[in-house]
N, C-alpha and C. Protein backbone atom coordinates (compact mmCIF):
# COMPACT_ATOMS: atom_id res chain seq x y z
N SER A 1 0.84 -1.18 0.00
CA SER A 1 0.00 0.00 0.00
C SER A 1 0.89 1.25 0.00
N SER A 2 0.33 2.34 -0.46
CA SER A 2 1.11 3.58 -0.53
C SER A 2 0.93 4.39 0.75
N CYS A 3 1.92 5.17 1.05
CA CYS A 3 1.90 6.01 2.24
C CYS A 3 2.51 7.36 1.86
N SER A 4 1.91 8.43 2.35
CA SER A 4 2.45 9.75 2.03
C SER A 4 3.07 10.45 3.24
N THR A 5 2.76 9.98 4.46
CA THR A 5 3.30 10.60 5.66
C THR A 5 3.94 9.54 6.55
N PHE A 6 5.17 9.80 6.95
CA PHE A 6 5.90 8.86 7.81
C PHE A 6 6.27 9.54 9.12
N CYS A 7 6.20 8.77 10.22
CA CYS A 7 6.55 9.26 11.56
C CYS A 7 7.50 8.26 12.21
N LYS A 8 8.19 8.72 13.23
CA LYS A 8 9.08 7.81 13.97
C LYS A 8 8.30 6.62 14.48
N ASP A 9 8.92 5.45 14.44
CA ASP A 9 8.27 4.24 14.94
C ASP A 9 8.16 4.32 16.46
N PRO A 10 6.94 4.41 17.02
CA PRO A 10 6.79 4.56 18.47
C PRO A 10 7.12 3.30 19.25
N TYR A 11 7.19 2.15 18.56
CA TYR A 11 7.47 0.90 19.26
C TYR A 11 8.97 0.63 19.35
N LEU A 12 9.68 0.88 18.27
CA LEU A 12 11.12 0.62 18.27
C LEU A 12 11.91 1.78 18.85
N ASN A 13 11.43 3.02 18.59
CA ASN A 13 12.10 4.22 19.08
C ASN A 13 13.59 4.22 18.72
N ILE A 14 13.88 3.83 17.47
CA ILE A 14 15.25 3.79 16.97
C ILE A 14 15.37 4.85 15.88
N GLN A 15 16.43 5.65 15.93
CA GLN A 15 16.62 6.68 14.92
C GLN A 15 16.67 6.05 13.53
N GLY A 16 15.92 6.61 12.59
CA GLY A 16 15.89 6.10 11.23
C GLY A 16 14.80 5.08 10.96
N GLU A 17 14.06 4.66 11.98
CA GLU A 17 12.95 3.71 11.79
C GLU A 17 11.64 4.49 11.77
N TYR A 18 10.89 4.33 10.67
CA TYR A 18 9.65 5.09 10.50
C TYR A 18 8.49 4.16 10.15
N VAL A 19 7.27 4.63 10.44
CA VAL A 19 6.05 3.91 10.10
C VAL A 19 5.10 4.89 9.40
N CYS A 20 4.13 4.33 8.70
CA CYS A 20 3.13 5.16 8.04
C CYS A 20 2.22 5.78 9.09
N CYS A 21 2.00 7.08 8.97
CA CYS A 21 1.09 7.74 9.92
C CYS A 21 0.08 8.61 9.16
N ASP A 22 -0.29 8.16 7.94
CA ASP A 22 -1.36 8.84 7.20
C ASP A 22 -2.62 8.86 8.06
N LYS A 23 -3.48 9.82 7.82
CA LYS A 23 -4.73 9.92 8.59
C LYS A 23 -5.87 9.22 7.83
N ASN A 24 -6.65 8.41 8.56
CA ASN A 24 -7.86 7.81 8.00
C ASN A 24 -8.93 8.91 7.91
N PRO A 25 -9.90 8.78 7.00
CA PRO A 25 -10.94 9.80 6.89
C PRO A 25 -11.84 9.85 8.12
N GLY A 26 -12.46 11.00 8.34
CA GLY A 26 -13.36 11.18 9.46
C GLY A 26 -12.70 11.88 10.62
N THR A 27 -13.42 11.94 11.73
CA THR A 27 -12.91 12.57 12.95
C THR A 27 -13.12 11.64 14.14
N CYS A 28 -12.40 11.92 15.20
CA CYS A 28 -12.55 11.13 16.42
C CYS A 28 -13.88 11.47 17.09
N PRO A 29 -14.62 10.44 17.54
CA PRO A 29 -15.86 10.72 18.29
C PRO A 29 -15.52 11.31 19.66
N GLU A 30 -16.37 12.20 20.12
CA GLU A 30 -16.15 12.80 21.44
C GLU A 30 -16.99 12.07 22.48
N ARG A 31 -16.44 11.94 23.66
CA ARG A 31 -17.11 11.24 24.76
C ARG A 31 -17.16 12.19 25.95
N ASP A 32 -18.36 12.36 26.50
CA ASP A 32 -18.53 13.26 27.65
C ASP A 32 -18.39 12.57 28.99
N GLU A 33 -18.71 11.27 29.02
CA GLU A 33 -18.62 10.54 30.28
C GLU A 33 -18.12 9.13 30.00
N CYS A 34 -17.63 8.50 31.02
CA CYS A 34 -17.08 7.15 30.90
C CYS A 34 -18.12 6.12 31.31
N PRO A 35 -18.29 5.07 30.50
CA PRO A 35 -19.21 4.01 30.90
C PRO A 35 -18.59 3.19 32.03
N PRO A 36 -19.42 2.57 32.87
CA PRO A 36 -18.87 1.74 33.95
C PRO A 36 -18.21 0.49 33.36
N LEU A 37 -17.05 0.16 33.87
CA LEU A 37 -16.36 -1.06 33.44
C LEU A 37 -16.65 -2.15 34.46
N ALA A 38 -17.51 -3.08 34.08
CA ALA A 38 -17.94 -4.12 35.00
C ALA A 38 -16.88 -5.20 35.18
N GLN A 39 -16.11 -5.47 34.10
CA GLN A 39 -15.13 -6.55 34.16
C GLN A 39 -13.84 -6.12 33.50
N GLU A 40 -12.76 -6.72 33.93
CA GLU A 40 -11.46 -6.42 33.33
C GLU A 40 -11.42 -6.84 31.87
N ASP A 41 -12.16 -7.93 31.48
CA ASP A 41 -12.07 -8.38 30.09
C ASP A 41 -12.73 -7.41 29.12
N VAL A 42 -13.39 -6.37 29.59
CA VAL A 42 -13.90 -5.35 28.68
C VAL A 42 -12.72 -4.71 27.94
N ARG A 43 -11.60 -4.56 28.63
CA ARG A 43 -10.41 -3.95 28.01
C ARG A 43 -9.77 -4.86 26.98
N GLN A 44 -10.06 -6.14 26.98
CA GLN A 44 -9.43 -7.05 26.02
C GLN A 44 -9.85 -6.76 24.59
N GLY A 45 -11.03 -6.18 24.38
CA GLY A 45 -11.49 -5.87 23.04
C GLY A 45 -10.95 -4.54 22.53
N ILE A 46 -10.25 -3.81 23.36
CA ILE A 46 -9.72 -2.50 22.98
C ILE A 46 -8.42 -2.69 22.20
N ARG A 47 -8.30 -1.97 21.08
CA ARG A 47 -7.06 -2.00 20.30
C ARG A 47 -6.33 -0.68 20.51
N PHE A 48 -5.20 -0.74 21.18
CA PHE A 48 -4.39 0.44 21.42
C PHE A 48 -3.63 0.80 20.15
N CYS A 49 -3.30 2.07 19.97
CA CYS A 49 -2.66 2.51 18.74
C CYS A 49 -1.84 3.78 18.99
N HIS A 50 -1.05 4.13 17.99
CA HIS A 50 -0.34 5.40 17.97
C HIS A 50 -0.80 6.25 16.78
N TYR A 51 -1.12 5.56 15.65
CA TYR A 51 -1.48 6.24 14.41
C TYR A 51 -2.67 5.55 13.76
N ASP A 52 -3.41 6.28 12.92
CA ASP A 52 -4.59 5.74 12.25
C ASP A 52 -4.33 4.45 11.47
N PRO A 53 -3.21 4.29 10.74
CA PRO A 53 -3.03 3.05 9.97
C PRO A 53 -3.00 1.77 10.81
N GLU A 54 -2.86 1.89 12.12
CA GLU A 54 -2.91 0.72 12.99
C GLU A 54 -4.35 0.27 13.23
N CYS A 55 -5.31 1.08 12.80
CA CYS A 55 -6.74 0.79 12.97
C CYS A 55 -7.33 0.38 11.63
N HIS A 56 -8.59 -0.07 11.64
CA HIS A 56 -9.30 -0.37 10.41
C HIS A 56 -9.53 0.92 9.63
N PRO A 57 -9.73 0.85 8.30
CA PRO A 57 -9.91 2.05 7.49
C PRO A 57 -11.08 2.95 7.93
N ASN A 58 -12.10 2.39 8.59
CA ASN A 58 -13.24 3.19 9.04
C ASN A 58 -13.08 3.66 10.50
N GLU A 59 -11.87 3.53 11.03
CA GLU A 59 -11.59 3.92 12.41
C GLU A 59 -10.51 4.99 12.46
N LYS A 60 -10.43 5.67 13.60
CA LYS A 60 -9.39 6.65 13.88
C LYS A 60 -8.67 6.23 15.16
N CYS A 61 -7.42 6.62 15.27
CA CYS A 61 -6.66 6.40 16.49
C CYS A 61 -6.88 7.64 17.36
N CYS A 62 -7.67 7.49 18.42
CA CYS A 62 -8.14 8.62 19.22
C CYS A 62 -7.75 8.47 20.68
N PHE A 63 -7.51 9.59 21.33
CA PHE A 63 -7.25 9.57 22.77
C PHE A 63 -8.57 9.32 23.48
N ASP A 64 -8.60 8.33 24.36
CA ASP A 64 -9.79 8.01 25.13
C ASP A 64 -9.64 8.59 26.53
N ILE A 65 -10.57 9.48 26.91
CA ILE A 65 -10.46 10.15 28.21
C ILE A 65 -10.67 9.19 29.38
N CYS A 66 -11.33 8.06 29.13
CA CYS A 66 -11.62 7.12 30.21
C CYS A 66 -10.42 6.25 30.57
N ILE A 67 -9.72 5.76 29.57
CA ILE A 67 -8.56 4.92 29.86
C ILE A 67 -7.24 5.66 29.70
N LYS A 68 -7.33 6.92 29.24
CA LYS A 68 -6.17 7.82 29.14
C LYS A 68 -5.07 7.26 28.24
N GLN A 69 -5.50 6.66 27.12
CA GLN A 69 -4.58 6.16 26.10
C GLN A 69 -5.24 6.29 24.74
N LYS A 70 -4.45 6.19 23.68
CA LYS A 70 -5.00 6.22 22.33
C LYS A 70 -5.47 4.83 21.93
N VAL A 71 -6.71 4.77 21.40
CA VAL A 71 -7.31 3.50 21.00
C VAL A 71 -8.01 3.70 19.66
N CYS A 72 -8.28 2.58 18.96
CA CYS A 72 -9.02 2.62 17.70
C CYS A 72 -10.49 2.79 18.00
N LYS A 73 -11.13 3.79 17.35
CA LYS A 73 -12.56 4.04 17.53
C LYS A 73 -13.19 4.24 16.16
N LEU A 74 -14.47 3.87 16.02
CA LEU A 74 -15.18 4.15 14.79
C LEU A 74 -15.18 5.64 14.54
N ALA A 75 -14.83 6.04 13.31
CA ALA A 75 -14.73 7.46 12.98
C ALA A 75 -16.09 8.07 12.78
N ASP A 76 -16.26 9.32 13.21
CA ASP A 76 -17.43 10.10 12.87
C ASP A 76 -17.19 10.69 11.47
N PRO A 77 -18.23 10.82 10.67
CA PRO A 77 -18.03 11.38 9.32
C PRO A 77 -17.54 12.81 9.33
């Protein structure tokens, strides 16, 4: 696949190592409150990320205020 924007690899953190950080279409959904987490396995379905290409094409890599990390979320149009 083609890539037009490259960023430092956040996993390797080695000078000269880059990954694709193109932006997927759409915007990050906003969340006003956090849902109750009943079980620890709720977090197992969460996909953590640094850049949009780590998510599905219809998702964005967004900061989640509840878990205080970037995760893949369905993009708002």
